[in-house]
Amino acid sequence: MSAQPEHPVDHRVTAIPFSINGIGEALSGQKRARFYGQVLAAEGSEAIDATMRQWWQEAMLDRAPGADTARANAAAGRNLVPIEELMARLEGTAG
């Protein structure tokens, strides 16, 4: 008997549109308020783009399965992974 699901599970996260409204809608509460405050205070296209990129990444990470647990573990120093192992996983070379 197998514990494998009958159909493969897709763990990919749907991308958030890279726009002020797209990012703002993906964030909630305090994060949304901070994002809008920072993006409105940014002067020049480079500063706006940098702010949007930072918050887009934050919003995407929030969507990842287990994000809250992973952040809590990192803050507590639990279940940490050496950078070399993480890079190997990302490159698909980990056994």
PDB file of N, CA and C in Angstrom:
ATOM      1  N   MET A   1       0.833  -1.167   0.000  1.00  0.00           N
ATOM      2  CA  MET A   1       0.000   0.000   0.000  1.00  0.00           C
ATOM      3  C   MET A   1       0.887   1.242   0.000  1.00  0.00           C
ATOM      4  N   SER A   2       0.460   2.254  -0.705  1.00  0.00           N
ATOM      5  CA  SER A   2       1.268   3.463  -0.841  1.00  0.00           C
ATOM      6  C   SER A   2       0.603   4.645  -0.161  1.00  0.00           C
ATOM      7  N   ALA A   3       1.420   5.494   0.436  1.00  0.00           N
ATOM      8  CA  ALA A   3       0.913   6.719   1.055  1.00  0.00           C
ATOM      9  C   ALA A   3       1.002   7.884   0.083  1.00  0.00           C
ATOM     10  N   GLN A   4       1.426   7.618  -1.133  1.00  0.00           N
ATOM     11  CA  GLN A   4       1.548   8.668  -2.138  1.00  0.00           C
ATOM     12  C   GLN A   4       0.169   9.073  -2.650  1.00  0.00           C
ATOM     13  N   PRO A   5      -0.018  10.389  -2.907  1.00  0.00           N
ATOM     14  CA  PRO A   5      -1.305  10.798  -3.482  1.00  0.00           C
ATOM     15  C   PRO A   5      -1.460  10.234  -4.887  1.00  0.00           C
ATOM     16  N   GLU A   6      -2.698  10.009  -5.294  1.00  0.00           N
ATOM     17  CA  GLU A   6      -2.946   9.475  -6.633  1.00  0.00           C
ATOM     18  C   GLU A   6      -2.503  10.442  -7.715  1.00  0.00           C
ATOM     19  N   HIS A   7      -2.692  11.719  -7.448  1.00  0.00           N
ATOM     20  CA  HIS A   7      -2.323  12.739  -8.410  1.00  0.00           C
ATOM     21  C   HIS A   7      -1.225  13.603  -7.815  1.00  0.00           C
ATOM     22  N   PRO A   8      -0.244  13.989  -8.625  1.00  0.00           N
ATOM     23  CA  PRO A   8       0.820  14.835  -8.094  1.00  0.00           C
ATOM     24  C   PRO A   8       0.239  16.142  -7.561  1.00  0.00           C
ATOM     25  N   VAL A   9       0.825  16.630  -6.473  1.00  0.00           N
ATOM     26  CA  VAL A   9       0.387  17.877  -5.865  1.00  0.00           C
ATOM     27  C   VAL A   9       1.283  18.999  -6.370  1.00  0.00           C
ATOM     28  N   ASP A  10       0.676  20.060  -6.851  1.00  0.00           N
ATOM     29  CA  ASP A  10       1.430  21.213  -7.347  1.00  0.00           C
ATOM     30  C   ASP A  10       1.591  22.205  -6.209  1.00  0.00           C
ATOM     31  N   HIS A  11       2.837  22.401  -5.756  1.00  0.00           N
ATOM     32  CA  HIS A  11       3.114  23.283  -4.632  1.00  0.00           C
ATOM     33  C   HIS A  11       3.495  24.689  -5.076  1.00  0.00           C
ATOM     34  N   ARG A  12       3.409  24.969  -6.371  1.00  0.00           N
ATOM     35  CA  ARG A  12       3.774  26.299  -6.842  1.00  0.00           C
ATOM     36  C   ARG A  12       2.778  27.324  -6.337  1.00  0.00           C
ATOM     37  N   VAL A  13       3.286  28.521  -6.111  1.00  0.00           N
ATOM     38  CA  VAL A  13       2.466  29.620  -5.625  1.00  0.00           C
ATOM     39  C   VAL A  13       2.153  30.527  -6.808  1.00  0.00           C
ATOM     40  N   THR A  14       0.888  30.912  -6.943  1.00  0.00           N
ATOM     41  CA  THR A  14       0.491  31.809  -8.018  1.00  0.00           C
ATOM     42  C   THR A  14       1.162  33.157  -7.826  1.00  0.00           C
ATOM     43  N   ALA A  15       1.740  33.684  -8.889  1.00  0.00           N
ATOM     44  CA  ALA A  15       2.447  34.958  -8.810  1.00  0.00           C
ATOM     45  C   ALA A  15       1.480  36.108  -8.567  1.00  0.00           C
ATOM     46  N   ILE A  16       1.937  37.049  -7.788  1.00  0.00           N
ATOM     47  CA  ILE A  16       1.196  38.275  -7.523  1.00  0.00           C
ATOM     48  C   ILE A  16       1.578  39.264  -8.619  1.00  0.00           C
ATOM     49  N   PRO A  17       0.609  39.975  -9.184  1.00  0.00           N
ATOM     50  CA  PRO A  17       0.965  40.981 -10.197  1.00  0.00           C
ATOM     51  C   PRO A  17       1.940  42.012  -9.619  1.00  0.00           C
ATOM     52  N   PHE A  18       2.939  42.369 -10.410  1.00  0.00           N
ATOM     53  CA  PHE A  18       3.935  43.343  -9.954  1.00  0.00           C
ATOM     54  C   PHE A  18       3.412  44.746 -10.253  1.00  0.00           C
ATOM     55  N   SER A  19       2.431  45.149  -9.463  1.00  0.00           N
ATOM     56  CA  SER A  19       1.853  46.483  -9.562  1.00  0.00           C
ATOM     57  C   SER A  19       1.537  46.943  -8.150  1.00  0.00           C
ATOM     58  N   ILE A  20       1.380  48.239  -7.971  1.00  0.00           N
ATOM     59  CA  ILE A  20       1.087  48.753  -6.634  1.00  0.00           C
ATOM     60  C   ILE A  20      -0.201  48.126  -6.100  1.00  0.00           C
ATOM     61  N   ASN A  21      -1.235  48.104  -6.909  1.00  0.00           N
ATOM     62  CA  ASN A  21      -2.503  47.519  -6.452  1.00  0.00           C
ATOM     63  C   ASN A  21      -2.382  46.017  -6.222  1.00  0.00           C
ATOM     64  N   GLY A  22      -1.681  45.312  -7.103  1.00  0.00           N
ATOM     65  CA  GLY A  22      -1.520  43.869  -6.955  1.00  0.00           C
ATOM     66  C   GLY A  22      -0.816  43.510  -5.661  1.00  0.00           C
ATOM     67  N   ILE A  23       0.247  44.237  -5.369  1.00  0.00           N
ATOM     68  CA  ILE A  23       1.009  43.981  -4.142  1.00  0.00           C
ATOM     69  C   ILE A  23       0.179  44.365  -2.924  1.00  0.00           C
ATOM     70  N   GLY A  24      -0.441  45.541  -2.979  1.00  0.00           N
ATOM     71  CA  GLY A  24      -1.252  46.004  -1.854  1.00  0.00           C
ATOM     72  C   GLY A  24      -2.377  45.045  -1.514  1.00  0.00           C
ATOM     73  N   GLU A  25      -3.041  44.517  -2.539  1.00  0.00           N
ATOM     74  CA  GLU A  25      -4.143  43.577  -2.315  1.00  0.00           C
ATOM     75  C   GLU A  25      -3.659  42.253  -1.733  1.00  0.00           C
ATOM     76  N   ALA A  26      -2.424  41.868  -2.026  1.00  0.00           N
ATOM     77  CA  ALA A  26      -1.888  40.596  -1.538  1.00  0.00           C
ATOM     78  C   ALA A  26      -1.442  40.680  -0.082  1.00  0.00           C
ATOM     79  N   LEU A  27      -1.154  41.882   0.379  1.00  0.00           N
ATOM     80  CA  LEU A  27      -0.720  42.068   1.766  1.00  0.00           C
ATOM     81  C   LEU A  27      -1.939  42.296   2.644  1.00  0.00           C
ATOM     82  N   SER A  28      -1.756  42.101   3.943  1.00  0.00           N
ATOM     83  CA  SER A  28      -2.878  42.331   4.846  1.00  0.00           C
ATOM     84  C   SER A  28      -2.448  43.204   6.025  1.00  0.00           C
ATOM     85  N   GLY A  29      -3.409  43.845   6.612  1.00  0.00           N
ATOM     86  CA  GLY A  29      -3.224  44.591   7.849  1.00  0.00           C
ATOM     87  C   GLY A  29      -2.069  45.561   7.857  1.00  0.00           C
ATOM     88  N   GLN A  30      -1.214  45.387   8.855  1.00  0.00           N
ATOM     89  CA  GLN A  30      -0.063  46.268   9.067  1.00  0.00           C
ATOM     90  C   GLN A  30       0.877  46.282   7.873  1.00  0.00           C
ATOM     91  N   LYS A  31       1.078  45.134   7.266  1.00  0.00           N
ATOM     92  CA  LYS A  31       1.988  45.065   6.117  1.00  0.00           C
ATOM     93  C   LYS A  31       1.465  45.917   4.966  1.00  0.00           C
ATOM     94  N   ARG A  32       0.162  45.849   4.718  1.00  0.00           N
ATOM     95  CA  ARG A  32      -0.432  46.646   3.644  1.00  0.00           C
ATOM     96  C   ARG A  32      -0.241  48.133   3.920  1.00  0.00           C
ATOM     97  N   ALA A  33      -0.510  48.541   5.150  1.00  0.00           N
ATOM     98  CA  ALA A  33      -0.366  49.954   5.511  1.00  0.00           C
ATOM     99  C   ALA A  33       1.086  50.414   5.354  1.00  0.00           C
ATOM    100  N   ARG A  34       2.037  49.584   5.792  1.00  0.00           N
ATOM    101  CA  ARG A  34       3.459  49.952   5.659  1.00  0.00           C
ATOM    102  C   ARG A  34       3.860  50.031   4.194  1.00  0.00           C
ATOM    103  N   PHE A  35       3.390  49.073   3.383  1.00  0.00           N
ATOM    104  CA  PHE A  35       3.709  49.087   1.954  1.00  0.00           C
ATOM    105  C   PHE A  35       3.237  50.377   1.305  1.00  0.00           C
ATOM    106  N   TYR A  36       1.955  50.704   1.490  1.00  0.00           N
ATOM    107  CA  TYR A  36       1.426  51.920   0.862  1.00  0.00           C
ATOM    108  C   TYR A  36       2.166  53.163   1.369  1.00  0.00           C
ATOM    109  N   GLY A  37       2.472  53.192   2.660  1.00  0.00           N
ATOM    110  CA  GLY A  37       3.219  54.325   3.196  1.00  0.00           C
ATOM    111  C   GLY A  37       4.585  54.471   2.556  1.00  0.00           C
ATOM    112  N   GLN A  38       5.286  53.355   2.390  1.00  0.00           N
ATOM    113  CA  GLN A  38       6.625  53.390   1.811  1.00  0.00           C
ATOM    114  C   GLN A  38       6.595  53.702   0.323  1.00  0.00           C
ATOM    115  N   VAL A  39       5.664  53.123  -0.396  1.00  0.00           N
ATOM    116  CA  VAL A  39       5.623  53.348  -1.839  1.00  0.00           C
ATOM    117  C   VAL A  39       5.193  54.783  -2.140  1.00  0.00           C
ATOM    118  N   LEU A  40       4.295  55.346  -1.320  1.00  0.00           N
ATOM    119  CA  LEU A  40       3.895  56.736  -1.521  1.00  0.00           C
ATOM    120  C   LEU A  40       5.000  57.718  -1.138  1.00  0.00           C
ATOM    121  N   ALA A  41       5.853  57.326  -0.190  1.00  0.00           N
ATOM    122  CA  ALA A  41       6.946  58.191   0.235  1.00  0.00           C
ATOM    123  C   ALA A  41       8.171  58.088  -0.678  1.00  0.00           C
ATOM    124  N   ALA A  42       8.237  57.016  -1.467  1.00  0.00           N
ATOM    125  CA  ALA A  42       9.395  56.813  -2.353  1.00  0.00           C
ATOM    126  C   ALA A  42       9.431  57.908  -3.424  1.00  0.00           C
ATOM    127  N   GLU A  43      10.611  58.419  -3.675  1.00  0.00           N
ATOM    128  CA  GLU A  43      10.769  59.466  -4.684  1.00  0.00           C
ATOM    129  C   GLU A  43      11.598  58.922  -5.840  1.00  0.00           C
ATOM    130  N   GLY A  44      11.048  59.001  -7.023  1.00  0.00           N
ATOM    131  CA  GLY A  44      11.743  58.527  -8.216  1.00  0.00           C
ATOM    132  C   GLY A  44      11.406  57.088  -8.526  1.00  0.00           C
ATOM    133  N   SER A  45      11.508  56.765  -9.793  1.00  0.00           N
ATOM    134  CA  SER A  45      11.109  55.432 -10.250  1.00  0.00           C
ATOM    135  C   SER A  45      11.975  54.324  -9.659  1.00  0.00           C
ATOM    136  N   GLU A  46      13.275  54.591  -9.453  1.00  0.00           N
ATOM    137  CA  GLU A  46      14.143  53.549  -8.890  1.00  0.00           C
ATOM    138  C   GLU A  46      13.745  53.228  -7.453  1.00  0.00           C
ATOM    139  N   ALA A  47      13.439  54.251  -6.667  1.00  0.00           N
ATOM    140  CA  ALA A  47      13.032  54.034  -5.279  1.00  0.00           C
ATOM    141  C   ALA A  47      11.676  53.327  -5.215  1.00  0.00           C
ATOM    142  N   ILE A  48      10.772  53.714  -6.103  1.00  0.00           N
ATOM    143  CA  ILE A  48       9.459  53.058  -6.144  1.00  0.00           C
ATOM    144  C   ILE A  48       9.624  51.597  -6.534  1.00  0.00           C
ATOM    145  N   ASP A  49      10.428  51.326  -7.570  1.00  0.00           N
ATOM    146  CA  ASP A  49      10.659  49.942  -8.004  1.00  0.00           C
ATOM    147  C   ASP A  49      11.290  49.105  -6.894  1.00  0.00           C
ATOM    148  N   ALA A  50      12.260  49.675  -6.185  1.00  0.00           N
ATOM    149  CA  ALA A  50      12.922  48.938  -5.103  1.00  0.00           C
ATOM    150  C   ALA A  50      11.927  48.614  -3.989  1.00  0.00           C
ATOM    151  N   THR A  51      11.093  49.554  -3.642  1.00  0.00           N
ATOM    152  CA  THR A  51      10.081  49.336  -2.608  1.00  0.00           C
ATOM    153  C   THR A  51       9.092  48.271  -3.058  1.00  0.00           C
ATOM    154  N   MET A  52       8.646  48.392  -4.301  1.00  0.00           N
ATOM    155  CA  MET A  52       7.706  47.397  -4.819  1.00  0.00           C
ATOM    156  C   MET A  52       8.339  46.011  -4.842  1.00  0.00           C
ATOM    157  N   ARG A  53       9.590  45.896  -5.265  1.00  0.00           N
ATOM    158  CA  ARG A  53      10.270  44.594  -5.339  1.00  0.00           C
ATOM    159  C   ARG A  53      10.361  43.961  -3.950  1.00  0.00           C
ATOM    160  N   GLN A  54      10.739  44.776  -2.948  1.00  0.00           N
ATOM    161  CA  GLN A  54      10.856  44.272  -1.575  1.00  0.00           C
ATOM    162  C   GLN A  54       9.516  43.731  -1.075  1.00  0.00           C
ATOM    163  N   TRP A  55       8.457  44.489  -1.259  1.00  0.00           N
ATOM    164  CA  TRP A  55       7.148  44.082  -0.758  1.00  0.00           C
ATOM    165  C   TRP A  55       6.518  42.981  -1.606  1.00  0.00           C
ATOM    166  N   TRP A  56       6.820  42.934  -2.895  1.00  0.00           N
ATOM    167  CA  TRP A  56       6.335  41.846  -3.733  1.00  0.00           C
ATOM    168  C   TRP A  56       6.916  40.530  -3.227  1.00  0.00           C
ATOM    169  N   GLN A  57       8.228  40.542  -2.923  1.00  0.00           N
ATOM    170  CA  GLN A  57       8.865  39.338  -2.391  1.00  0.00           C
ATOM    171  C   GLN A  57       8.241  38.939  -1.059  1.00  0.00           C
ATOM    172  N   GLU A  58       7.990  39.920  -0.210  1.00  0.00           N
ATOM    173  CA  GLU A  58       7.358  39.642   1.086  1.00  0.00           C
ATOM    174  C   GLU A  58       5.979  39.006   0.878  1.00  0.00           C
ATOM    175  N   ALA A  59       5.178  39.570  -0.012  1.00  0.00           N
ATOM    176  CA  ALA A  59       3.840  39.035  -0.282  1.00  0.00           C
ATOM    177  C   ALA A  59       3.913  37.624  -0.859  1.00  0.00           C
ATOM    178  N   MET A  60       4.876  37.378  -1.754  1.00  0.00           N
ATOM    179  CA  MET A  60       5.032  36.037  -2.325  1.00  0.00           C
ATOM    180  C   MET A  60       5.435  35.038  -1.241  1.00  0.00           C
ATOM    181  N   LEU A  61       6.337  35.435  -0.366  1.00  0.00           N
ATOM    182  CA  LEU A  61       6.752  34.536   0.721  1.00  0.00           C
ATOM    183  C   LEU A  61       5.587  34.233   1.655  1.00  0.00           C
ATOM    184  N   ASP A  62       4.734  35.222   1.887  1.00  0.00           N
ATOM    185  CA  ASP A  62       3.566  34.997   2.737  1.00  0.00           C
ATOM    186  C   ASP A  62       2.644  33.939   2.163  1.00  0.00           C
ATOM    187  N   ARG A  63       2.622  33.782   0.845  1.00  0.00           N
ATOM    188  CA  ARG A  63       1.751  32.798   0.193  1.00  0.00           C
ATOM    189  C   ARG A  63       2.311  31.379   0.245  1.00  0.00           C
ATOM    190  N   ALA A  64       3.589  31.250   0.499  1.00  0.00           N
ATOM    191  CA  ALA A  64       4.213  29.923   0.485  1.00  0.00           C
ATOM    192  C   ALA A  64       3.626  29.049   1.587  1.00  0.00           C
ATOM    193  N   PRO A  65       3.360  27.778   1.275  1.00  0.00           N
ATOM    194  CA  PRO A  65       2.840  26.873   2.304  1.00  0.00           C
ATOM    195  C   PRO A  65       3.801  26.781   3.480  1.00  0.00           C
ATOM    196  N   GLY A  66       3.293  26.930   4.682  1.00  0.00           N
ATOM    197  CA  GLY A  66       4.112  26.821   5.886  1.00  0.00           C
ATOM    198  C   GLY A  66       4.964  28.036   6.177  1.00  0.00           C
ATOM    199  N   ALA A  67       4.680  29.168   5.548  1.00  0.00           N
ATOM    200  CA  ALA A  67       5.503  30.365   5.730  1.00  0.00           C
ATOM    201  C   ALA A  67       5.557  30.809   7.188  1.00  0.00           C
ATOM    202  N   ASP A  68       4.417  30.808   7.865  1.00  0.00           N
ATOM    203  CA  ASP A  68       4.381  31.246   9.262  1.00  0.00           C
ATOM    204  C   ASP A  68       5.220  30.334  10.150  1.00  0.00           C
ATOM    205  N   THR A  69       5.110  29.039   9.922  1.00  0.00           N
ATOM    206  CA  THR A  69       5.889  28.075  10.700  1.00  0.00           C
ATOM    207  C   THR A  69       7.379  28.253  10.438  1.00  0.00           C
ATOM    208  N   ALA A  70       7.743  28.434   9.175  1.00  0.00           N
ATOM    209  CA  ALA A  70       9.151  28.602   8.828  1.00  0.00           C
ATOM    210  C   ALA A  70       9.727  29.867   9.466  1.00  0.00           C
ATOM    211  N   ARG A  71       8.972  30.953   9.445  1.00  0.00           N
ATOM    212  CA  ARG A  71       9.453  32.196  10.067  1.00  0.00           C
ATOM    213  C   ARG A  71       9.590  32.033  11.584  1.00  0.00           C
ATOM    214  N   ALA A  72       8.641  31.364  12.210  1.00  0.00           N
ATOM    215  CA  ALA A  72       8.722  31.136  13.654  1.00  0.00           C
ATOM    216  C   ALA A  72       9.934  30.275  13.995  1.00  0.00           C
ATOM    217  N   ASN A  73      10.179  29.243  13.196  1.00  0.00           N
ATOM    218  CA  ASN A  73      11.352  28.394  13.421  1.00  0.00           C
ATOM    219  C   ASN A  73      12.641  29.183  13.250  1.00  0.00           C
ATOM    220  N   ALA A  74      12.706  30.016  12.219  1.00  0.00           N
ATOM    221  CA  ALA A  74      13.914  30.815  11.986  1.00  0.00           C
ATOM    222  C   ALA A  74      14.145  31.783  13.138  1.00  0.00           C
ATOM    223  N   ALA A  75      13.096  32.421  13.604  1.00  0.00           N
ATOM    224  CA  ALA A  75      13.228  33.366  14.716  1.00  0.00           C
ATOM    225  C   ALA A  75      13.686  32.666  15.992  1.00  0.00           C
ATOM    226  N   ALA A  76      13.261  31.409  16.167  1.00  0.00           N
ATOM    227  CA  ALA A  76      13.622  30.646  17.355  1.00  0.00           C
ATOM    228  C   ALA A  76      14.920  29.860  17.175  1.00  0.00           C
ATOM    229  N   GLY A  77      15.486  29.875  15.965  1.00  0.00           N
ATOM    230  CA  GLY A  77      16.721  29.136  15.710  1.00  0.00           C
ATOM    231  C   GLY A  77      16.507  27.640  15.566  1.00  0.00           C
ATOM    232  N   ARG A  78      15.287  27.231  15.210  1.00  0.00           N
ATOM    233  CA  ARG A  78      14.978  25.801  15.045  1.00  0.00           C
ATOM    234  C   ARG A  78      14.969  25.433  13.567  1.00  0.00           C
ATOM    235  N   ASN A  79      15.330  24.179  13.296  1.00  0.00           N
ATOM    236  CA  ASN A  79      15.244  23.616  11.940  1.00  0.00           C
ATOM    237  C   ASN A  79      15.959  24.460  10.888  1.00  0.00           C
ATOM    238  N   LEU A  80      17.087  25.021  11.266  1.00  0.00           N
ATOM    239  CA  LEU A  80      17.850  25.838  10.327  1.00  0.00           C
ATOM    240  C   LEU A  80      18.595  24.945   9.345  1.00  0.00           C
ATOM    241  N   VAL A  81      18.793  25.423   8.125  1.00  0.00           N
ATOM    242  CA  VAL A  81      19.462  24.671   7.072  1.00  0.00           C
ATOM    243  C   VAL A  81      20.703  25.456   6.652  1.00  0.00           C
ATOM    244  N   PRO A  82      21.876  24.801   6.620  1.00  0.00           N
ATOM    245  CA  PRO A  82      23.077  25.498   6.141  1.00  0.00           C
ATOM    246  C   PRO A  82      22.884  25.983   4.708  1.00  0.00           C
ATOM    247  N   ILE A  83      23.443  27.116   4.379  1.00  0.00           N
ATOM    248  CA  ILE A  83      23.260  27.716   3.058  1.00  0.00           C
ATOM    249  C   ILE A  83      23.715  26.772   1.948  1.00  0.00           C
ATOM    250  N   GLU A  84      24.756  26.001   2.194  1.00  0.00           N
ATOM    251  CA  GLU A  84      25.239  25.055   1.174  1.00  0.00           C
ATOM    252  C   GLU A  84      24.175  24.008   0.852  1.00  0.00           C
ATOM    253  N   GLU A  85      23.498  23.514   1.903  1.00  0.00           N
ATOM    254  CA  GLU A  85      22.446  22.522   1.682  1.00  0.00           C
ATOM    255  C   GLU A  85      21.261  23.145   0.951  1.00  0.00           C
ATOM    256  N   LEU A  86      20.926  24.366   1.320  1.00  0.00           N
ATOM    257  CA  LEU A  86      19.827  25.055   0.656  1.00  0.00           C
ATOM    258  C   LEU A  86      20.143  25.265  -0.821  1.00  0.00           C
ATOM    259  N   MET A  87      21.352  25.690  -1.135  1.00  0.00           N
ATOM    260  CA  MET A  87      21.745  25.889  -2.526  1.00  0.00           C
ATOM    261  C   MET A  87      21.690  24.572  -3.290  1.00  0.00           C
ATOM    262  N   ALA A  88      22.132  23.490  -2.662  1.00  0.00           N
ATOM    263  CA  ALA A  88      22.085  22.187  -3.315  1.00  0.00           C
ATOM    264  C   ALA A  88      20.644  21.781  -3.599  1.00  0.00           C
ATOM    265  N   ARG A  89      19.737  22.055  -2.659  1.00  0.00           N
ATOM    266  CA  ARG A  89      18.332  21.740  -2.876  1.00  0.00           C
ATOM    267  C   ARG A  89      17.778  22.554  -4.052  1.00  0.00           C
ATOM    268  N   LEU A  90      18.107  23.827  -4.074  1.00  0.00           N
ATOM    269  CA  LEU A  90      17.606  24.698  -5.133  1.00  0.00           C
ATOM    270  C   LEU A  90      18.141  24.291  -6.495  1.00  0.00           C
ATOM    271  N   GLU A  91      19.359  23.798  -6.529  1.00  0.00           N
ATOM    272  CA  GLU A  91      19.973  23.378  -7.787  1.00  0.00           C
ATOM    273  C   GLU A  91      19.577  21.959  -8.165  1.00  0.00           C
ATOM    274  N   GLY A  92      18.863  21.290  -7.273  1.00  0.00           N
ATOM    275  CA  GLY A  92      18.394  19.937  -7.569  1.00  0.00           C
ATOM    276  C   GLY A  92      19.451  18.869  -7.429  1.00  0.00           C
ATOM    277  N   THR A  93      20.531  19.172  -6.697  1.00  0.00           N
ATOM    278  CA  THR A  93      21.606  18.195  -6.560  1.00  0.00           C
ATOM    279  C   THR A  93      21.596  17.476  -5.225  1.00  0.00           C
ATOM    280  N   ALA A  94      20.681  17.862  -4.326  1.00  0.00           N
ATOM    281  CA  ALA A  94      20.638  17.210  -3.023  1.00  0.00           C
ATOM    282  C   ALA A  94      20.054  15.821  -3.162  1.00  0.00           C
ATOM    283  N   GLY A  95      20.605  14.896  -2.414  1.00  0.00           N
ATOM    284  CA  GLY A  95      20.143  13.516  -2.483  1.00  0.00           C
ATOM    285  C   GLY A  95      19.063  13.261  -1.620  1.00  0.00           C
TER     286      GLY A  95
END
